[in-house]
């Protein structure tokens, strides 16, 4: 079932429109954070300490890149 996405501006028209670039930036940041989470899941199953450390470092790298692209979308 495809439902249209809710637009909060319909309730409050004073909210400025969201720029396409903002949406794209958030999407890219979310993708990087998803990759970071995947790296951390893989790290928990790593067979060696160096493999675990490398995957955790890669996850940190993806998170840092996401922070640089869109700091306002940082997950908690």
PDB file of N, CA and C in Angstrom:
ATOM      1  N   UNK A   1       0.839  -1.175   0.000  1.00  0.00           N
ATOM      2  CA  UNK A   1       0.000   0.000   0.000  1.00  0.00           C
ATOM      3  C   UNK A   1       0.883   1.235   0.000  1.00  0.00           C
ATOM      4  N   UNK A   2       0.806   2.021  -1.027  1.00  0.00           N
ATOM      5  CA  UNK A   2       1.596   3.235  -1.133  1.00  0.00           C
ATOM      6  C   UNK A   2       0.786   4.413  -0.621  1.00  0.00           C
ATOM      7  N   UNK A   3       1.238   4.953   0.495  1.00  0.00           N
ATOM      8  CA  UNK A   3       0.573   6.121   1.058  1.00  0.00           C
ATOM      9  C   UNK A   3       1.469   7.332   0.847  1.00  0.00           C
ATOM     10  N   UNK A   4       0.893   8.467   0.535  1.00  0.00           N
ATOM     11  CA  UNK A   4       1.732   9.657   0.355  1.00  0.00           C
ATOM     12  C   UNK A   4       2.390  10.041   1.673  1.00  0.00           C
ATOM     13  N   UNK A   5       3.589  10.572   1.571  1.00  0.00           N
ATOM     14  CA  UNK A   5       4.308  11.001   2.764  1.00  0.00           C
ATOM     15  C   UNK A   5       3.645  12.245   3.345  1.00  0.00           C
ATOM     16  N   UNK A   6       3.526  12.277   4.657  1.00  0.00           N
ATOM     17  CA  UNK A   6       2.896  13.409   5.331  1.00  0.00           C
ATOM     18  C   UNK A   6       3.788  14.643   5.209  1.00  0.00           C
ATOM     19  N   UNK A   7       3.184  15.766   4.873  1.00  0.00           N
ATOM     20  CA  UNK A   7       3.908  17.026   4.762  1.00  0.00           C
ATOM     21  C   UNK A   7       3.464  17.943   5.899  1.00  0.00           C
ATOM     22  N   UNK A   8       4.333  18.197   6.903  1.00  0.00           N
ATOM     23  CA  UNK A   8       3.938  19.020   8.044  1.00  0.00           C
ATOM     24  C   UNK A   8       3.564  20.446   7.650  1.00  0.00           C
ATOM     25  N   UNK A   9       3.983  20.888   6.463  1.00  0.00           N
ATOM     26  CA  UNK A   9       3.630  22.244   6.035  1.00  0.00           C
ATOM     27  C   UNK A   9       2.137  22.376   5.778  1.00  0.00           C
ATOM     28  N   UNK A  10       1.447  21.252   5.570  1.00  0.00           N
ATOM     29  CA  UNK A  10       0.002  21.325   5.355  1.00  0.00           C
ATOM     30  C   UNK A  10      -0.714  21.803   6.617  1.00  0.00           C
ATOM     31  N   UNK A  11      -0.127  21.547   7.786  1.00  0.00           N
ATOM     32  CA  UNK A  11      -0.712  22.007   9.047  1.00  0.00           C
ATOM     33  C   UNK A  11      -0.204  23.388   9.446  1.00  0.00           C
ATOM     34  N   UNK A  12       1.010  23.702   9.045  1.00  0.00           N
ATOM     35  CA  UNK A  12       1.617  24.968   9.416  1.00  0.00           C
ATOM     36  C   UNK A  12       2.323  25.549   8.193  1.00  0.00           C
ATOM     37  N   UNK A  13       1.618  26.318   7.376  1.00  0.00           N
ATOM     38  CA  UNK A  13       2.213  26.803   6.123  1.00  0.00           C
ATOM     39  C   UNK A  13       3.366  27.786   6.325  1.00  0.00           C
ATOM     40  N   UNK A  14       3.615  28.245   7.551  1.00  0.00           N
ATOM     41  CA  UNK A  14       4.722  29.171   7.786  1.00  0.00           C
ATOM     42  C   UNK A  14       6.076  28.460   7.792  1.00  0.00           C
ATOM     43  N   UNK A  15       6.063  27.136   7.866  1.00  0.00           N
ATOM     44  CA  UNK A  15       7.318  26.389   7.852  1.00  0.00           C
ATOM     45  C   UNK A  15       7.948  26.544   6.470  1.00  0.00           C
ATOM     46  N   UNK A  16       9.217  26.941   6.417  1.00  0.00           N
ATOM     47  CA  UNK A  16       9.852  27.101   5.102  1.00  0.00           C
ATOM     48  C   UNK A  16       9.956  25.759   4.386  1.00  0.00           C
ATOM     49  N   UNK A  17       9.904  25.755   3.065  1.00  0.00           N
ATOM     50  CA  UNK A  17       9.996  24.504   2.320  1.00  0.00           C
ATOM     51  C   UNK A  17      11.362  23.840   2.499  1.00  0.00           C
ATOM     52  N   UNK A  18      11.357  22.530   2.483  1.00  0.00           N
ATOM     53  CA  UNK A  18      12.595  21.769   2.592  1.00  0.00           C
ATOM     54  C   UNK A  18      13.253  21.737   1.217  1.00  0.00           C
ATOM     55  N   UNK A  19      14.503  22.102   1.186  1.00  0.00           N
ATOM     56  CA  UNK A  19      15.245  22.108  -0.069  1.00  0.00           C
ATOM     57  C   UNK A  19      15.592  20.675  -0.478  1.00  0.00           C
ATOM     58  N   UNK A  20      15.604  20.435  -1.765  1.00  0.00           N
ATOM     59  CA  UNK A  20      15.967  19.114  -2.262  1.00  0.00           C
ATOM     60  C   UNK A  20      17.375  18.732  -1.825  1.00  0.00           C
ATOM     61  N   UNK A  21      18.271  19.707  -1.768  1.00  0.00           N
ATOM     62  CA  UNK A  21      19.643  19.433  -1.343  1.00  0.00           C
ATOM     63  C   UNK A  21      19.675  18.952   0.103  1.00  0.00           C
ATOM     64  N   UNK A  22      18.810  19.508   0.956  1.00  0.00           N
ATOM     65  CA  UNK A  22      18.743  19.073   2.350  1.00  0.00           C
ATOM     66  C   UNK A  22      18.293  17.620   2.438  1.00  0.00           C
ATOM     67  N   UNK A  23      17.305  17.278   1.647  1.00  0.00           N
ATOM     68  CA  UNK A  23      16.791  15.911   1.641  1.00  0.00           C
ATOM     69  C   UNK A  23      17.869  14.949   1.155  1.00  0.00           C
ATOM     70  N   UNK A  24      18.575  15.335   0.106  1.00  0.00           N
ATOM     71  CA  UNK A  24      19.645  14.490  -0.432  1.00  0.00           C
ATOM     72  C   UNK A  24      20.771  14.320   0.585  1.00  0.00           C
ATOM     73  N   UNK A  25      21.137  15.402   1.248  1.00  0.00           N
ATOM     74  CA  UNK A  25      22.203  15.348   2.251  1.00  0.00           C
ATOM     75  C   UNK A  25      21.809  14.431   3.408  1.00  0.00           C
ATOM     76  N   UNK A  26      20.571  14.552   3.869  1.00  0.00           N
ATOM     77  CA  UNK A  26      20.091  13.673   4.948  1.00  0.00           C
ATOM     78  C   UNK A  26      20.090  12.222   4.509  1.00  0.00           C
ATOM     79  N   UNK A  27      19.692  11.986   3.287  1.00  0.00           N
ATOM     80  CA  UNK A  27      19.657  10.627   2.761  1.00  0.00           C
ATOM     81  C   UNK A  27      21.065  10.027   2.696  1.00  0.00           C
ATOM     82  N   UNK A  28      22.020  10.817   2.244  1.00  0.00           N
ATOM     83  CA  UNK A  28      23.404  10.344   2.185  1.00  0.00           C
ATOM     84  C   UNK A  28      23.936  10.052   3.587  1.00  0.00           C
ATOM     85  N   UNK A  29      23.645  10.941   4.533  1.00  0.00           N
ATOM     86  CA  UNK A  29      24.103  10.741   5.913  1.00  0.00           C
ATOM     87  C   UNK A  29      23.476   9.480   6.500  1.00  0.00           C
ATOM     88  N   UNK A  30      22.200   9.261   6.245  1.00  0.00           N
ATOM     89  CA  UNK A  30      21.538   8.051   6.741  1.00  0.00           C
ATOM     90  C   UNK A  30      22.167   6.798   6.143  1.00  0.00           C
ATOM     91  N   UNK A  31      22.507   6.854   4.858  1.00  0.00           N
ATOM     92  CA  UNK A  31      23.157   5.715   4.214  1.00  0.00           C
ATOM     93  C   UNK A  31      24.510   5.408   4.844  1.00  0.00           C
ATOM     94  N   UNK A  32      25.272   6.446   5.138  1.00  0.00           N
ATOM     95  CA  UNK A  32      26.574   6.243   5.779  1.00  0.00           C
ATOM     96  C   UNK A  32      26.409   5.675   7.183  1.00  0.00           C
ATOM     97  N   UNK A  33      25.409   6.144   7.894  1.00  0.00           N
ATOM     98  CA  UNK A  33      25.173   5.615   9.251  1.00  0.00           C
ATOM     99  C   UNK A  33      24.708   4.162   9.200  1.00  0.00           C
ATOM    100  N   UNK A  34      23.956   3.817   8.172  1.00  0.00           N
ATOM    101  CA  UNK A  34      23.563   2.414   7.997  1.00  0.00           C
ATOM    102  C   UNK A  34      24.794   1.546   7.738  1.00  0.00           C
ATOM    103  N   UNK A  35      25.729   2.066   6.938  1.00  0.00           N
ATOM    104  CA  UNK A  35      26.964   1.326   6.683  1.00  0.00           C
ATOM    105  C   UNK A  35      27.778   1.185   7.965  1.00  0.00           C
ATOM    106  N   UNK A  36      27.804   2.234   8.776  1.00  0.00           N
ATOM    107  CA  UNK A  36      28.526   2.174  10.047  1.00  0.00           C
ATOM    108  C   UNK A  36      27.926   1.096  10.946  1.00  0.00           C
ATOM    109  N   UNK A  37      26.611   1.041  11.002  1.00  0.00           N
ATOM    110  CA  UNK A  37      25.948   0.030  11.830  1.00  0.00           C
ATOM    111  C   UNK A  37      26.253  -1.379  11.316  1.00  0.00           C
ATOM    112  N   UNK A  38      26.275  -1.543  10.004  1.00  0.00           N
ATOM    113  CA  UNK A  38      26.591  -2.852   9.426  1.00  0.00           C
ATOM    114  C   UNK A  38      28.017  -3.265   9.778  1.00  0.00           C
ATOM    115  N   UNK A  39      28.937  -2.322   9.729  1.00  0.00           N
ATOM    116  CA  UNK A  39      30.328  -2.625  10.096  1.00  0.00           C
ATOM    117  C   UNK A  39      30.415  -3.068  11.557  1.00  0.00           C
ATOM    118  N   UNK A  40      29.670  -2.413  12.417  1.00  0.00           N
ATOM    119  CA  UNK A  40      29.702  -2.784  13.841  1.00  0.00           C
ATOM    120  C   UNK A  40      29.069  -4.152  14.084  1.00  0.00           C
ATOM    121  N   UNK A  41      28.025  -4.473  13.318  1.00  0.00           N
ATOM    122  CA  UNK A  41      27.446  -5.818  13.438  1.00  0.00           C
ATOM    123  C   UNK A  41      28.454  -6.868  12.989  1.00  0.00           C
ATOM    124  N   UNK A  42      29.149  -6.589  11.883  1.00  0.00           N
ATOM    125  CA  UNK A  42      30.169  -7.518  11.404  1.00  0.00           C
ATOM    126  C   UNK A  42      31.327  -7.622  12.393  1.00  0.00           C
ATOM    127  N   UNK A  43      31.677  -6.518  13.033  1.00  0.00           N
ATOM    128  CA  UNK A  43      32.778  -6.530  13.995  1.00  0.00           C
ATOM    129  C   UNK A  43      32.481  -7.474  15.152  1.00  0.00           C
ATOM    130  N   UNK A  44      31.218  -7.542  15.558  1.00  0.00           N
ATOM    131  CA  UNK A  44      30.879  -8.418  16.683  1.00  0.00           C
ATOM    132  C   UNK A  44      31.039  -9.896  16.320  1.00  0.00           C
ATOM    133  N   UNK A  45      31.062 -10.202  15.025  1.00  0.00           N
ATOM    134  CA  UNK A  45      31.221 -11.579  14.578  1.00  0.00           C
ATOM    135  C   UNK A  45      32.615 -11.855  14.008  1.00  0.00           C
ATOM    136  N   UNK A  46      33.508 -10.881  14.112  1.00  0.00           N
ATOM    137  CA  UNK A  46      34.847 -11.037  13.541  1.00  0.00           C
ATOM    138  C   UNK A  46      35.594 -12.170  14.243  1.00  0.00           C
ATOM    139  N   UNK A  47      36.433 -12.856  13.493  1.00  0.00           N
ATOM    140  CA  UNK A  47      37.182 -13.996  14.043  1.00  0.00           C
ATOM    141  C   UNK A  47      38.483 -13.577  14.713  1.00  0.00           C
ATOM    142  N   UNK A  48      38.989 -12.412  14.356  1.00  0.00           N
ATOM    143  CA  UNK A  48      40.250 -11.953  14.947  1.00  0.00           C
ATOM    144  C   UNK A  48      40.063 -10.578  15.567  1.00  0.00           C
ATOM    145  N   UNK A  49      40.944 -10.276  16.509  1.00  0.00           N
ATOM    146  CA  UNK A  49      40.900  -8.962  17.153  1.00  0.00           C
ATOM    147  C   UNK A  49      41.188  -7.854  16.153  1.00  0.00           C
ATOM    148  N   UNK A  50      42.113  -8.090  15.237  1.00  0.00           N
ATOM    149  CA  UNK A  50      42.434  -7.051  14.245  1.00  0.00           C
ATOM    150  C   UNK A  50      41.262  -6.835  13.287  1.00  0.00           C
ATOM    151  N   UNK A  51      40.542  -7.907  12.953  1.00  0.00           N
ATOM    152  CA  UNK A  51      39.360  -7.757  12.112  1.00  0.00           C
ATOM    153  C   UNK A  51      38.284  -6.944  12.815  1.00  0.00           C
ATOM    154  N   UNK A  52      38.084  -7.228  14.101  1.00  0.00           N
ATOM    155  CA  UNK A  52      37.104  -6.495  14.885  1.00  0.00           C
ATOM    156  C   UNK A  52      37.486  -5.013  14.973  1.00  0.00           C
ATOM    157  N   UNK A  53      38.739  -4.757  15.255  1.00  0.00           N
ATOM    158  CA  UNK A  53      39.215  -3.380  15.382  1.00  0.00           C
ATOM    159  C   UNK A  53      39.081  -2.622  14.065  1.00  0.00           C
ATOM    160  N   UNK A  54      39.416  -3.275  12.973  1.00  0.00           N
ATOM    161  CA  UNK A  54      39.327  -2.631  11.665  1.00  0.00           C
ATOM    162  C   UNK A  54      37.883  -2.295  11.293  1.00  0.00           C
ATOM    163  N   UNK A  55      36.972  -3.219  11.553  1.00  0.00           N
ATOM    164  CA  UNK A  55      35.568  -2.957  11.240  1.00  0.00           C
ATOM    165  C   UNK A  55      34.982  -1.862  12.125  1.00  0.00           C
ATOM    166  N   UNK A  56      35.374  -1.827  13.386  1.00  0.00           N
ATOM    167  CA  UNK A  56      34.907  -0.753  14.266  1.00  0.00           C
ATOM    168  C   UNK A  56      35.452   0.591  13.801  1.00  0.00           C
ATOM    169  N   UNK A  57      36.710   0.612  13.378  1.00  0.00           N
ATOM    170  CA  UNK A  57      37.303   1.857  12.873  1.00  0.00           C
ATOM    171  C   UNK A  57      36.591   2.310  11.595  1.00  0.00           C
ATOM    172  N   UNK A  58      36.241   1.369  10.751  1.00  0.00           N
ATOM    173  CA  UNK A  58      35.521   1.707   9.526  1.00  0.00           C
ATOM    174  C   UNK A  58      34.131   2.273   9.866  1.00  0.00           C
ATOM    175  N   UNK A  59      33.477   1.695  10.861  1.00  0.00           N
ATOM    176  CA  UNK A  59      32.197   2.221  11.318  1.00  0.00           C
ATOM    177  C   UNK A  59      32.337   3.643  11.833  1.00  0.00           C
ATOM    178  N   UNK A  60      33.393   3.901  12.599  1.00  0.00           N
ATOM    179  CA  UNK A  60      33.647   5.261  13.092  1.00  0.00           C
ATOM    180  C   UNK A  60      33.882   6.224  11.931  1.00  0.00           C
ATOM    181  N   UNK A  61      34.588   5.763  10.920  1.00  0.00           N
ATOM    182  CA  UNK A  61      34.860   6.593   9.743  1.00  0.00           C
ATOM    183  C   UNK A  61      33.551   6.968   9.037  1.00  0.00           C
ATOM    184  N   UNK A  62      32.675   5.986   8.840  1.00  0.00           N
ATOM    185  CA  UNK A  62      31.390   6.267   8.193  1.00  0.00           C
ATOM    186  C   UNK A  62      30.564   7.251   9.019  1.00  0.00           C
ATOM    187  N   UNK A  63      30.576   7.083  10.342  1.00  0.00           N
ATOM    188  CA  UNK A  63      29.839   8.020  11.195  1.00  0.00           C
ATOM    189  C   UNK A  63      30.402   9.435  11.083  1.00  0.00           C
ATOM    190  N   UNK A  64      31.709   9.544  11.045  1.00  0.00           N
ATOM    191  CA  UNK A  64      32.336  10.863  10.924  1.00  0.00           C
ATOM    192  C   UNK A  64      31.986  11.514   9.586  1.00  0.00           C
ATOM    193  N   UNK A  65      31.997  10.729   8.518  1.00  0.00           N
ATOM    194  CA  UNK A  65      31.620  11.270   7.215  1.00  0.00           C
ATOM    195  C   UNK A  65      30.161  11.732   7.220  1.00  0.00           C
ATOM    196  N   UNK A  66      29.292  10.972   7.864  1.00  0.00           N
ATOM    197  CA  UNK A  66      27.875  11.355   7.959  1.00  0.00           C
ATOM    198  C   UNK A  66      27.727  12.650   8.750  1.00  0.00           C
ATOM    199  N   UNK A  67      28.510  12.794   9.827  1.00  0.00           N
ATOM    200  CA  UNK A  67      28.478  14.025  10.623  1.00  0.00           C
ATOM    201  C   UNK A  67      28.894  15.235   9.799  1.00  0.00           C
ATOM    202  N   UNK A  68      29.892  15.048   8.949  1.00  0.00           N
ATOM    203  CA  UNK A  68      30.348  16.150   8.110  1.00  0.00           C
ATOM    204  C   UNK A  68      29.308  16.528   7.064  1.00  0.00           C
ATOM    205  N   UNK A  69      28.617  15.530   6.505  1.00  0.00           N
ATOM    206  CA  UNK A  69      27.608  15.801   5.473  1.00  0.00           C
ATOM    207  C   UNK A  69      26.394  16.483   6.065  1.00  0.00           C
ATOM    208  N   UNK A  70      25.897  15.963   7.193  1.00  0.00           N
ATOM    209  CA  UNK A  70      24.669  16.508   7.782  1.00  0.00           C
ATOM    210  C   UNK A  70      24.675  16.338   9.297  1.00  0.00           C
ATOM    211  N   UNK A  71      25.267  17.291  10.021  1.00  0.00           N
ATOM    212  CA  UNK A  71      25.346  17.169  11.471  1.00  0.00           C
ATOM    213  C   UNK A  71      23.972  17.182  12.158  1.00  0.00           C
ATOM    214  N   UNK A  72      22.966  17.786  11.525  1.00  0.00           N
ATOM    215  CA  UNK A  72      21.668  17.886  12.170  1.00  0.00           C
ATOM    216  C   UNK A  72      20.917  16.555  12.197  1.00  0.00           C
ATOM    217  N   UNK A  73      21.335  15.581  11.402  1.00  0.00           N
ATOM    218  CA  UNK A  73      20.618  14.311  11.358  1.00  0.00           C
ATOM    219  C   UNK A  73      21.301  13.228  12.190  1.00  0.00           C
ATOM    220  N   UNK A  74      22.202  13.614  13.054  1.00  0.00           N
ATOM    221  CA  UNK A  74      22.938  12.650  13.827  1.00  0.00           C
ATOM    222  C   UNK A  74      22.012  11.806  14.694  1.00  0.00           C
ATOM    223  N   UNK A  75      22.183  10.507  14.613  1.00  0.00           N
ATOM    224  CA  UNK A  75      21.378   9.582  15.428  1.00  0.00           C
ATOM    225  C   UNK A  75      21.910   9.540  16.836  1.00  0.00           C
ATOM    226  N   UNK A  76      21.030   9.219  17.722  1.00  0.00           N
ATOM    227  CA  UNK A  76      21.446   9.121  19.136  1.00  0.00           C
ATOM    228  C   UNK A  76      21.236   7.733  19.631  1.00  0.00           C
TER     229      UNK A  76
END
